[in-house]
C-alpha atoms as a PDB file:
ATOM      1  CA  UNK A   1      -3.453 -26.114   5.760  1.00  0.00           C
ATOM      2  CA  UNK A   2      -4.480 -22.460   5.945  1.00  0.00           C
ATOM      3  CA  UNK A   3      -8.097 -21.793   4.976  1.00  0.00           C
ATOM      4  CA  UNK A   4      -8.967 -18.104   4.531  1.00  0.00           C
ATOM      5  CA  UNK A   5     -12.292 -17.191   6.095  1.00  0.00           C
ATOM      6  CA  UNK A   6     -13.326 -14.369   3.769  1.00  0.00           C
ATOM      7  CA  UNK A   7     -12.263 -12.529   0.648  1.00  0.00           C
ATOM      8  CA  UNK A   8     -10.114  -9.981   2.473  1.00  0.00           C
ATOM      9  CA  UNK A   9      -8.227 -12.769   4.214  1.00  0.00           C
ATOM     10  CA  UNK A  10      -7.798 -14.597   0.882  1.00  0.00           C
ATOM     11  CA  UNK A  11      -6.362 -11.473  -0.699  1.00  0.00           C
ATOM     12  CA  UNK A  12      -3.985 -10.835   2.214  1.00  0.00           C
ATOM     13  CA  UNK A  13      -2.850 -14.467   2.145  1.00  0.00           C
ATOM     14  CA  UNK A  14      -2.164 -14.363  -1.592  1.00  0.00           C
ATOM     15  CA  UNK A  15      -0.258 -11.086  -1.233  1.00  0.00           C
ATOM     16  CA  UNK A  16       1.972 -12.637   1.413  1.00  0.00           C
ATOM     17  CA  UNK A  17       2.668 -15.577  -0.883  1.00  0.00           C
ATOM     18  CA  UNK A  18       3.515 -13.219  -3.770  1.00  0.00           C
ATOM     19  CA  UNK A  19       5.767 -11.225  -1.441  1.00  0.00           C
ATOM     20  CA  UNK A  20       7.646 -14.406  -0.543  1.00  0.00           C
ATOM     21  CA  UNK A  21       8.095 -15.234  -4.228  1.00  0.00           C
ATOM     22  CA  UNK A  22       9.343 -11.723  -4.920  1.00  0.00           C
ATOM     23  CA  UNK A  23      11.956 -12.069  -2.182  1.00  0.00           C
ATOM     24  CA  UNK A  24      13.036 -15.344  -3.781  1.00  0.00           C
ATOM     25  CA  UNK A  25      13.403 -13.681  -7.201  1.00  0.00           C
ATOM     26  CA  UNK A  26      15.425 -10.864  -5.658  1.00  0.00           C
ATOM     27  CA  UNK A  27      17.718 -13.443  -4.101  1.00  0.00           C
ATOM     28  CA  UNK A  28      17.986 -15.282  -7.430  1.00  0.00           C
ATOM     29  CA  UNK A  29      19.086 -12.067  -9.150  1.00  0.00           C
ATOM     30  CA  UNK A  30      21.590 -11.284  -6.397  1.00  0.00           C
ATOM     31  CA  UNK A  31      23.000 -14.800  -6.737  1.00  0.00           C
ATOM     32  CA  UNK A  32      23.201 -14.543 -10.533  1.00  0.00           C
ATOM     33  CA  UNK A  33      20.711 -17.352 -11.142  1.00  0.00           C
ATOM     34  CA  UNK A  34      20.003 -18.524 -14.662  1.00  0.00           C
ATOM     35  CA  UNK A  35      18.081 -15.745 -16.452  1.00  0.00           C
ATOM     36  CA  UNK A  36      15.323 -17.991 -17.755  1.00  0.00           C
ATOM     37  CA  UNK A  37      14.657 -19.294 -14.248  1.00  0.00           C
ATOM     38  CA  UNK A  38      14.375 -15.717 -12.997  1.00  0.00           C
ATOM     39  CA  UNK A  39      11.960 -14.845 -15.805  1.00  0.00           C
ATOM     40  CA  UNK A  40       9.788 -17.885 -15.014  1.00  0.00           C
ATOM     41  CA  UNK A  41       9.582 -16.838 -11.380  1.00  0.00           C
ATOM     42  CA  UNK A  42       8.872 -13.237 -12.328  1.00  0.00           C
ATOM     43  CA  UNK A  43       6.062 -14.362 -14.622  1.00  0.00           C
ATOM     44  CA  UNK A  44       4.594 -16.457 -11.812  1.00  0.00           C
ATOM     45  CA  UNK A  45       4.587 -13.395  -9.535  1.00  0.00           C
ATOM     46  CA  UNK A  46       2.906 -11.287 -12.208  1.00  0.00           C
ATOM     47  CA  UNK A  47       0.227 -13.945 -12.687  1.00  0.00           C
ATOM     48  CA  UNK A  48      -0.359 -14.114  -8.931  1.00  0.00           C
ATOM     49  CA  UNK A  49      -0.729 -10.326  -8.770  1.00  0.00           C
ATOM     50  CA  UNK A  50      -3.211 -10.363 -11.669  1.00  0.00           C
ATOM     51  CA  UNK A  51      -5.250 -12.976  -9.809  1.00  0.00           C
ATOM     52  CA  UNK A  52      -5.170 -10.801  -6.686  1.00  0.00           C
ATOM     53  CA  UNK A  53      -6.318  -7.837  -8.772  1.00  0.00           C
ATOM     54  CA  UNK A  54      -9.178  -9.970 -10.096  1.00  0.00           C
ATOM     55  CA  UNK A  55     -10.291 -10.836  -6.569  1.00  0.00           C
ATOM     56  CA  UNK A  56     -10.153  -7.196  -5.510  1.00  0.00           C
ATOM     57  CA  UNK A  57     -12.051  -6.098  -8.619  1.00  0.00           C
ATOM     58  CA  UNK A  58     -14.693  -8.782  -8.079  1.00  0.00           C
ATOM     59  CA  UNK A  59     -15.141  -7.601  -4.517  1.00  0.00           C
ATOM     60  CA  UNK A  60     -15.351  -3.985  -5.682  1.00  0.00           C
ATOM     61  CA  UNK A  61     -18.016  -4.808  -8.254  1.00  0.00           C
ATOM     62  CA  UNK A  62     -20.058  -6.800  -5.740  1.00  0.00           C
ATOM     63  CA  UNK A  63     -19.879  -4.143  -3.037  1.00  0.00           C
ATOM     64  CA  UNK A  64     -18.711  -0.628  -3.899  1.00  0.00           C
ATOM     65  CA  UNK A  65     -20.034  -0.505  -7.460  1.00  0.00           C
ATOM     66  CA  UNK A  66     -23.435  -1.865  -6.503  1.00  0.00           C
ATOM     67  CA  UNK A  67     -23.662   0.673  -3.682  1.00  0.00           C
ATOM     68  CA  UNK A  68     -22.709   3.509  -6.041  1.00  0.00           C
ATOM     69  CA  UNK A  69     -25.361   2.407  -8.555  1.00  0.00           C
ATOM     70  CA  UNK A  70     -27.996   2.275  -5.818  1.00  0.00           C
ATOM     71  CA  UNK A  71     -27.060   5.830  -4.832  1.00  0.00           C
ATOM     72  CA  UNK A  72     -27.449   7.061  -8.415  1.00  0.00           C
ATOM     73  CA  UNK A  73     -23.736   7.212  -9.213  1.00  0.00           C
ATOM     74  CA  UNK A  74     -23.801   4.432 -11.823  1.00  0.00           C
ATOM     75  CA  UNK A  75     -21.969   6.391 -14.506  1.00  0.00           C
ATOM     76  CA  UNK A  76     -19.169   7.220 -12.061  1.00  0.00           C
ATOM     77  CA  UNK A  77     -18.923   3.578 -10.975  1.00  0.00           C
ATOM     78  CA  UNK A  78     -18.767   2.416 -14.586  1.00  0.00           C
ATOM     79  CA  UNK A  79     -16.096   4.971 -15.498  1.00  0.00           C
ATOM     80  CA  UNK A  80     -14.024   3.813 -12.554  1.00  0.00           C
ATOM     81  CA  UNK A  81     -14.113   0.173 -13.651  1.00  0.00           C
ATOM     82  CA  UNK A  82     -13.476   1.041 -17.299  1.00  0.00           C
ATOM     83  CA  UNK A  83     -10.355   2.966 -16.258  1.00  0.00           C
ATOM     84  CA  UNK A  84      -9.026  -0.185 -14.579  1.00  0.00           C
ATOM     85  CA  UNK A  85      -9.434  -2.172 -17.784  1.00  0.00           C
ATOM     86  CA  UNK A  86      -7.745   0.559 -19.817  1.00  0.00           C
ATOM     87  CA  UNK A  87      -4.732   0.461 -17.487  1.00  0.00           C
ATOM     88  CA  UNK A  88      -4.570  -3.331 -17.763  1.00  0.00           C
ATOM     89  CA  UNK A  89      -4.251  -3.222 -21.523  1.00  0.00           C
ATOM     90  CA  UNK A  90      -1.211  -0.915 -21.476  1.00  0.00           C
END
């Protein structure tokens, strides 16, 4: 079984899995699969992408945001993260 070594590898691995699921959903649509089955698969992809976003955001907060705060750009770092949450709620 594949064991990612670090966060970047985990993210890349999850993206590849989501990409495979997306290809499957595309095929389902092309083959006129049952609509509810397509929706379930689409929802699974969306959940996977949200989880990937969470990993990326966590990494950003632990690295880039902390660095920005240390360099006196805390307000900028906070605004950047707040904008992500605003986009999520749309």
